[in-house]
């Protein structure tokens, strides 16, 4: 009878740990993305200017669309 209790407590602890780990990881990622947002148009424009290119709005939009499509895959 005590073996059943040990197994039951182990399963409950495993499920609780998995749930707690999920929520901690989710909170960490949300804070990380808030502090380090994904690339936006202004960052892309600055990057292109540093590489010696004069970015047009059409090219910026094209690159943003390509990055968003790549991110969705």
PDB file of N, CA and C in Angstrom:
ATOM      1  N   UNK A   1       0.822  -1.207   0.000  1.00  0.00           N
ATOM      2  CA  UNK A   1       0.000   0.000   0.000  1.00  0.00           C
ATOM      3  C   UNK A   1       0.862   1.266   0.000  1.00  0.00           C
ATOM      4  N   UNK A   2       2.002   1.246   0.685  1.00  0.00           N
ATOM      5  CA  UNK A   2       2.837   2.437   0.740  1.00  0.00           C
ATOM      6  C   UNK A   2       3.514   2.718  -0.601  1.00  0.00           C
ATOM      7  N   UNK A   3       3.730   1.688  -1.423  1.00  0.00           N
ATOM      8  CA  UNK A   3       4.330   1.880  -2.744  1.00  0.00           C
ATOM      9  C   UNK A   3       3.397   2.706  -3.635  1.00  0.00           C
ATOM     10  N   UNK A   4       2.120   2.485  -3.510  1.00  0.00           N
ATOM     11  CA  UNK A   4       1.133   3.237  -4.295  1.00  0.00           C
ATOM     12  C   UNK A   4       1.182   4.708  -3.905  1.00  0.00           C
ATOM     13  N   UNK A   5       1.305   4.986  -2.613  1.00  0.00           N
ATOM     14  CA  UNK A   5       1.376   6.370  -2.159  1.00  0.00           C
ATOM     15  C   UNK A   5       2.641   7.061  -2.662  1.00  0.00           C
ATOM     16  N   UNK A   6       3.734   6.370  -2.652  1.00  0.00           N
ATOM     17  CA  UNK A   6       4.998   6.942  -3.132  1.00  0.00           C
ATOM     18  C   UNK A   6       4.885   7.285  -4.610  1.00  0.00           C
ATOM     19  N   UNK A   7       4.314   6.381  -5.394  1.00  0.00           N
ATOM     20  CA  UNK A   7       4.145   6.616  -6.827  1.00  0.00           C
ATOM     21  C   UNK A   7       3.182   7.768  -7.061  1.00  0.00           C
ATOM     22  N   UNK A   8       2.088   7.823  -6.312  1.00  0.00           N
ATOM     23  CA  UNK A   8       1.103   8.886  -6.452  1.00  0.00           C
ATOM     24  C   UNK A   8       1.706  10.249  -6.113  1.00  0.00           C
ATOM     25  N   UNK A   9       2.455  10.327  -5.029  1.00  0.00           N
ATOM     26  CA  UNK A   9       3.091  11.586  -4.639  1.00  0.00           C
ATOM     27  C   UNK A   9       4.139  12.003  -5.671  1.00  0.00           C
ATOM     28  N   UNK A  10       4.874  11.040  -6.209  1.00  0.00           N
ATOM     29  CA  UNK A  10       5.874  11.347  -7.234  1.00  0.00           C
ATOM     30  C   UNK A  10       5.204  11.905  -8.490  1.00  0.00           C
ATOM     31  N   UNK A  11       4.091  11.334  -8.907  1.00  0.00           N
ATOM     32  CA  UNK A  11       3.375  11.834 -10.086  1.00  0.00           C
ATOM     33  C   UNK A  11       2.825  13.238  -9.853  1.00  0.00           C
ATOM     34  N   UNK A  12       2.272  13.464  -8.676  1.00  0.00           N
ATOM     35  CA  UNK A  12       1.744  14.797  -8.363  1.00  0.00           C
ATOM     36  C   UNK A  12       2.876  15.824  -8.348  1.00  0.00           C
ATOM     37  N   UNK A  13       4.006  15.471  -7.760  1.00  0.00           N
ATOM     38  CA  UNK A  13       5.156  16.383  -7.722  1.00  0.00           C
ATOM     39  C   UNK A  13       5.684  16.650  -9.131  1.00  0.00           C
ATOM     40  N   UNK A  14       5.695  15.638  -9.968  1.00  0.00           N
ATOM     41  CA  UNK A  14       6.160  15.804 -11.350  1.00  0.00           C
ATOM     42  C   UNK A  14       5.246  16.754 -12.125  1.00  0.00           C
ATOM     43  N   UNK A  15       3.934  16.561 -11.997  1.00  0.00           N
ATOM     44  CA  UNK A  15       2.982  17.435 -12.693  1.00  0.00           C
ATOM     45  C   UNK A  15       3.058  18.870 -12.175  1.00  0.00           C
ATOM     46  N   UNK A  16       3.173  19.023 -10.855  1.00  0.00           N
ATOM     47  CA  UNK A  16       3.276  20.369 -10.282  1.00  0.00           C
ATOM     48  C   UNK A  16       4.570  21.051 -10.741  1.00  0.00           C
ATOM     49  N   UNK A  17       5.662  20.320 -10.788  1.00  0.00           N
ATOM     50  CA  UNK A  17       6.936  20.881 -11.245  1.00  0.00           C
ATOM     51  C   UNK A  17       6.894  21.290 -12.702  1.00  0.00           C
ATOM     52  N   UNK A  18       6.248  20.472 -13.529  1.00  0.00           N
ATOM     53  CA  UNK A  18       6.136  20.799 -14.950  1.00  0.00           C
ATOM     54  C   UNK A  18       5.295  22.054 -15.146  1.00  0.00           C
ATOM     55  N   UNK A  19       4.182  22.155 -14.433  1.00  0.00           N
ATOM     56  CA  UNK A  19       3.321  23.334 -14.549  1.00  0.00           C
ATOM     57  C   UNK A  19       4.040  24.580 -14.051  1.00  0.00           C
ATOM     58  N   UNK A  20       4.704  24.478 -12.919  1.00  0.00           N
ATOM     59  CA  UNK A  20       5.434  25.613 -12.367  1.00  0.00           C
ATOM     60  C   UNK A  20       6.574  26.036 -13.296  1.00  0.00           C
ATOM     61  N   UNK A  21       7.289  25.087 -13.853  1.00  0.00           N
ATOM     62  CA  UNK A  21       8.367  25.383 -14.790  1.00  0.00           C
ATOM     63  C   UNK A  21       7.869  26.085 -16.039  1.00  0.00           C
ATOM     64  N   UNK A  22       6.708  25.651 -16.537  1.00  0.00           N
ATOM     65  CA  UNK A  22       6.122  26.289 -17.719  1.00  0.00           C
ATOM     66  C   UNK A  22       5.827  27.755 -17.449  1.00  0.00           C
ATOM     67  N   UNK A  23       5.179  28.048 -16.315  1.00  0.00           N
ATOM     68  CA  UNK A  23       4.811  29.431 -16.030  1.00  0.00           C
ATOM     69  C   UNK A  23       6.019  30.304 -15.739  1.00  0.00           C
ATOM     70  N   UNK A  24       7.035  29.763 -15.098  1.00  0.00           N
ATOM     71  CA  UNK A  24       8.263  30.525 -14.848  1.00  0.00           C
ATOM     72  C   UNK A  24       8.968  30.833 -16.175  1.00  0.00           C
ATOM     73  N   UNK A  25       9.052  29.841 -17.075  1.00  0.00           N
ATOM     74  CA  UNK A  25       9.693  30.061 -18.372  1.00  0.00           C
ATOM     75  C   UNK A  25       8.905  31.072 -19.209  1.00  0.00           C
ATOM     76  N   UNK A  26       7.588  31.005 -19.134  1.00  0.00           N
ATOM     77  CA  UNK A  26       6.736  31.942 -19.887  1.00  0.00           C
ATOM     78  C   UNK A  26       6.960  33.372 -19.389  1.00  0.00           C
ATOM     79  N   UNK A  27       6.981  33.547 -18.085  1.00  0.00           N
ATOM     80  CA  UNK A  27       7.200  34.873 -17.502  1.00  0.00           C
ATOM     81  C   UNK A  27       8.583  35.407 -17.880  1.00  0.00           C
ATOM     82  N   UNK A  28       9.601  34.544 -17.832  1.00  0.00           N
ATOM     83  CA  UNK A  28      10.961  34.941 -18.197  1.00  0.00           C
ATOM     84  C   UNK A  28      11.017  35.404 -19.651  1.00  0.00           C
ATOM     85  N   UNK A  29      10.395  34.648 -20.565  1.00  0.00           N
ATOM     86  CA  UNK A  29      10.422  35.018 -21.985  1.00  0.00           C
ATOM     87  C   UNK A  29       9.667  36.312 -22.239  1.00  0.00           C
ATOM     88  N   UNK A  30       8.557  36.527 -21.556  1.00  0.00           N
ATOM     89  CA  UNK A  30       7.808  37.773 -21.736  1.00  0.00           C
ATOM     90  C   UNK A  30       8.644  38.966 -21.284  1.00  0.00           C
ATOM     91  N   UNK A  31       9.342  38.826 -20.154  1.00  0.00           N
ATOM     92  CA  UNK A  31      10.216  39.909 -19.686  1.00  0.00           C
ATOM     93  C   UNK A  31      11.383  40.123 -20.640  1.00  0.00           C
ATOM     94  N   UNK A  32      11.952  39.042 -21.160  1.00  0.00           N
ATOM     95  CA  UNK A  32      13.072  39.145 -22.094  1.00  0.00           C
ATOM     96  C   UNK A  32      12.653  39.882 -23.365  1.00  0.00           C
ATOM     97  N   UNK A  33      11.494  39.528 -23.916  1.00  0.00           N
ATOM     98  CA  UNK A  33      11.034  40.186 -25.140  1.00  0.00           C
ATOM     99  C   UNK A  33      10.657  41.643 -24.887  1.00  0.00           C
ATOM    100  N   UNK A  34      10.219  41.954 -23.683  1.00  0.00           N
ATOM    101  CA  UNK A  34       9.901  43.342 -23.363  1.00  0.00           C
ATOM    102  C   UNK A  34      11.183  44.175 -23.300  1.00  0.00           C
ATOM    103  N   UNK A  35      12.254  43.611 -22.715  1.00  0.00           N
ATOM    104  CA  UNK A  35      13.524  44.330 -22.604  1.00  0.00           C
ATOM    105  C   UNK A  35      14.296  44.330 -23.913  1.00  0.00           C
ATOM    106  N   UNK A  36      14.188  43.273 -24.709  1.00  0.00           N
ATOM    107  CA  UNK A  36      14.910  43.140 -25.976  1.00  0.00           C
ATOM    108  C   UNK A  36      13.912  42.849 -27.093  1.00  0.00           C
ATOM    109  N   UNK A  37      13.225  43.882 -27.565  1.00  0.00           N
ATOM    110  CA  UNK A  37      12.186  43.636 -28.572  1.00  0.00           C
ATOM    111  C   UNK A  37      12.791  43.137 -29.883  1.00  0.00           C
ATOM    112  N   UNK A  38      11.998  42.401 -30.665  1.00  0.00           N
ATOM    113  CA  UNK A  38      12.473  41.973 -31.979  1.00  0.00           C
ATOM    114  C   UNK A  38      12.766  43.197 -32.856  1.00  0.00           C
ATOM    115  N   UNK A  39      13.458  42.973 -33.928  1.00  0.00           N
ATOM    116  CA  UNK A  39      13.886  44.088 -34.794  1.00  0.00           C
ATOM    117  C   UNK A  39      12.674  44.822 -35.375  1.00  0.00           C
ATOM    118  N   UNK A  40      12.769  46.150 -35.426  1.00  0.00           N
ATOM    119  CA  UNK A  40      11.695  46.954 -36.012  1.00  0.00           C
ATOM    120  C   UNK A  40      12.257  47.767 -37.177  1.00  0.00           C
ATOM    121  N   UNK A  41      11.408  48.584 -37.768  1.00  0.00           N
ATOM    122  CA  UNK A  41      11.819  49.336 -38.967  1.00  0.00           C
ATOM    123  C   UNK A  41      12.980  50.284 -38.682  1.00  0.00           C
ATOM    124  N   UNK A  42      12.945  50.945 -37.533  1.00  0.00           N
ATOM    125  CA  UNK A  42      14.012  51.900 -37.218  1.00  0.00           C
ATOM    126  C   UNK A  42      15.358  51.193 -37.058  1.00  0.00           C
ATOM    127  N   UNK A  43      15.340  50.034 -36.405  1.00  0.00           N
ATOM    128  CA  UNK A  43      16.584  49.274 -36.233  1.00  0.00           C
ATOM    129  C   UNK A  43      17.103  48.796 -37.584  1.00  0.00           C
ATOM    130  N   UNK A  44      16.206  48.361 -38.447  1.00  0.00           N
ATOM    131  CA  UNK A  44      16.590  47.886 -39.775  1.00  0.00           C
ATOM    132  C   UNK A  44      17.178  49.031 -40.601  1.00  0.00           C
ATOM    133  N   UNK A  45      16.555  50.198 -40.503  1.00  0.00           N
ATOM    134  CA  UNK A  45      17.042  51.376 -41.234  1.00  0.00           C
ATOM    135  C   UNK A  45      18.455  51.745 -40.765  1.00  0.00           C
ATOM    136  N   UNK A  46      18.677  51.744 -39.464  1.00  0.00           N
ATOM    137  CA  UNK A  46      19.995  52.057 -38.906  1.00  0.00           C
ATOM    138  C   UNK A  46      21.033  51.039 -39.358  1.00  0.00           C
ATOM    139  N   UNK A  47      20.658  49.771 -39.330  1.00  0.00           N
ATOM    140  CA  UNK A  47      21.563  48.707 -39.748  1.00  0.00           C
ATOM    141  C   UNK A  47      21.974  48.885 -41.212  1.00  0.00           C
ATOM    142  N   UNK A  48      21.002  49.184 -42.071  1.00  0.00           N
ATOM    143  CA  UNK A  48      21.316  49.369 -43.492  1.00  0.00           C
ATOM    144  C   UNK A  48      22.207  50.584 -43.707  1.00  0.00           C
ATOM    145  N   UNK A  49      21.965  51.652 -42.953  1.00  0.00           N
ATOM    146  CA  UNK A  49      22.796  52.854 -43.099  1.00  0.00           C
ATOM    147  C   UNK A  49      24.222  52.577 -42.635  1.00  0.00           C
ATOM    148  N   UNK A  50      24.389  51.754 -41.607  1.00  0.00           N
ATOM    149  CA  UNK A  50      25.732  51.399 -41.140  1.00  0.00           C
ATOM    150  C   UNK A  50      26.472  50.553 -42.159  1.00  0.00           C
ATOM    151  N   UNK A  51      25.718  49.802 -42.965  1.00  0.00           N
ATOM    152  CA  UNK A  51      26.341  48.973 -44.001  1.00  0.00           C
ATOM    153  C   UNK A  51      26.604  49.779 -45.269  1.00  0.00           C
ATOM    154  N   UNK A  52      26.285  51.085 -45.251  1.00  0.00           N
ATOM    155  CA  UNK A  52      26.579  51.934 -46.393  1.00  0.00           C
ATOM    156  C   UNK A  52      25.488  51.977 -47.436  1.00  0.00           C
ATOM    157  N   UNK A  53      24.297  51.500 -47.106  1.00  0.00           N
ATOM    158  CA  UNK A  53      23.178  51.545 -48.054  1.00  0.00           C
ATOM    159  C   UNK A  53      22.240  52.670 -47.650  1.00  0.00           C
ATOM    160  N   UNK A  54      21.593  53.276 -48.634  1.00  0.00           N
ATOM    161  CA  UNK A  54      20.581  54.278 -48.346  1.00  0.00           C
ATOM    162  C   UNK A  54      19.231  53.576 -48.452  1.00  0.00           C
ATOM    163  N   UNK A  55      18.611  53.286 -47.326  1.00  0.00           N
ATOM    164  CA  UNK A  55      17.385  52.492 -47.362  1.00  0.00           C
ATOM    165  C   UNK A  55      16.181  53.300 -47.829  1.00  0.00           C
ATOM    166  N   UNK A  56      15.454  52.751 -48.782  1.00  0.00           N
ATOM    167  CA  UNK A  56      14.191  53.350 -49.187  1.00  0.00           C
ATOM    168  C   UNK A  56      13.086  52.669 -48.380  1.00  0.00           C
ATOM    169  N   UNK A  57      11.941  53.336 -48.270  1.00  0.00           N
ATOM    170  CA  UNK A  57      10.827  52.770 -47.501  1.00  0.00           C
ATOM    171  C   UNK A  57      10.357  51.460 -48.134  1.00  0.00           C
ATOM    172  N   UNK A  58      10.414  51.380 -49.457  1.00  0.00           N
ATOM    173  CA  UNK A  58      10.006  50.163 -50.150  1.00  0.00           C
ATOM    174  C   UNK A  58      10.905  48.982 -49.749  1.00  0.00           C
ATOM    175  N   UNK A  59      12.211  49.239 -49.688  1.00  0.00           N
ATOM    176  CA  UNK A  59      13.155  48.179 -49.329  1.00  0.00           C
ATOM    177  C   UNK A  59      12.987  47.771 -47.861  1.00  0.00           C
ATOM    178  N   UNK A  60      12.746  48.760 -46.994  1.00  0.00           N
ATOM    179  CA  UNK A  60      12.511  48.471 -45.573  1.00  0.00           C
ATOM    180  C   UNK A  60      11.271  47.587 -45.426  1.00  0.00           C
ATOM    181  N   UNK A  61      10.181  47.962 -46.109  1.00  0.00           N
ATOM    182  CA  UNK A  61       8.942  47.175 -46.029  1.00  0.00           C
ATOM    183  C   UNK A  61       9.160  45.764 -46.551  1.00  0.00           C
ATOM    184  N   UNK A  62       9.912  45.634 -47.623  1.00  0.00           N
ATOM    185  CA  UNK A  62      10.192  44.331 -48.217  1.00  0.00           C
ATOM    186  C   UNK A  62      10.978  43.447 -47.246  1.00  0.00           C
ATOM    187  N   UNK A  63      11.979  44.025 -46.598  1.00  0.00           N
ATOM    188  CA  UNK A  63      12.785  43.250 -45.659  1.00  0.00           C
ATOM    189  C   UNK A  63      11.985  42.878 -44.410  1.00  0.00           C
ATOM    190  N   UNK A  64      11.139  43.786 -43.922  1.00  0.00           N
ATOM    191  CA  UNK A  64      10.299  43.492 -42.760  1.00  0.00           C
ATOM    192  C   UNK A  64       9.323  42.361 -43.087  1.00  0.00           C
ATOM    193  N   UNK A  65       8.746  42.398 -44.284  1.00  0.00           N
ATOM    194  CA  UNK A  65       7.820  41.342 -44.712  1.00  0.00           C
ATOM    195  C   UNK A  65       8.541  40.001 -44.793  1.00  0.00           C
ATOM    196  N   UNK A  66       9.745  40.021 -45.342  1.00  0.00           N
ATOM    197  CA  UNK A  66      10.527  38.788 -45.451  1.00  0.00           C
ATOM    198  C   UNK A  66      10.877  38.238 -44.071  1.00  0.00           C
ATOM    199  N   UNK A  67      11.237  39.121 -43.150  1.00  0.00           N
ATOM    200  CA  UNK A  67      11.567  38.674 -41.799  1.00  0.00           C
ATOM    201  C   UNK A  67      10.337  38.119 -41.085  1.00  0.00           C
ATOM    202  N   UNK A  68       9.192  38.767 -41.255  1.00  0.00           N
ATOM    203  CA  UNK A  68       7.964  38.272 -40.631  1.00  0.00           C
ATOM    204  C   UNK A  68       7.551  36.929 -41.199  1.00  0.00           C
ATOM    205  N   UNK A  69       7.706  36.763 -42.519  1.00  0.00           N
ATOM    206  CA  UNK A  69       7.384  35.471 -43.130  1.00  0.00           C
ATOM    207  C   UNK A  69       8.312  34.385 -42.619  1.00  0.00           C
ATOM    208  N   UNK A  70       9.596  34.700 -42.460  1.00  0.00           N
ATOM    209  CA  UNK A  70      10.562  33.731 -41.959  1.00  0.00           C
ATOM    210  C   UNK A  70      10.256  33.367 -40.502  1.00  0.00           C
ATOM    211  N   UNK A  71       9.806  34.349 -39.743  1.00  0.00           N
ATOM    212  CA  UNK A  71       9.501  34.126 -38.327  1.00  0.00           C
ATOM    213  C   UNK A  71       8.284  33.235 -38.156  1.00  0.00           C
ATOM    214  N   UNK A  72       7.322  33.314 -39.085  1.00  0.00           N
ATOM    215  CA  UNK A  72       6.095  32.535 -38.980  1.00  0.00           C
ATOM    216  C   UNK A  72       6.300  31.079 -39.353  1.00  0.00           C
ATOM    217  N   UNK A  73       7.347  30.775 -40.095  1.00  0.00           N
ATOM    218  CA  UNK A  73       7.586  29.391 -40.529  1.00  0.00           C
ATOM    219  C   UNK A  73       8.093  28.530 -39.410  1.00  0.00           C
TER     220      UNK A  73
END
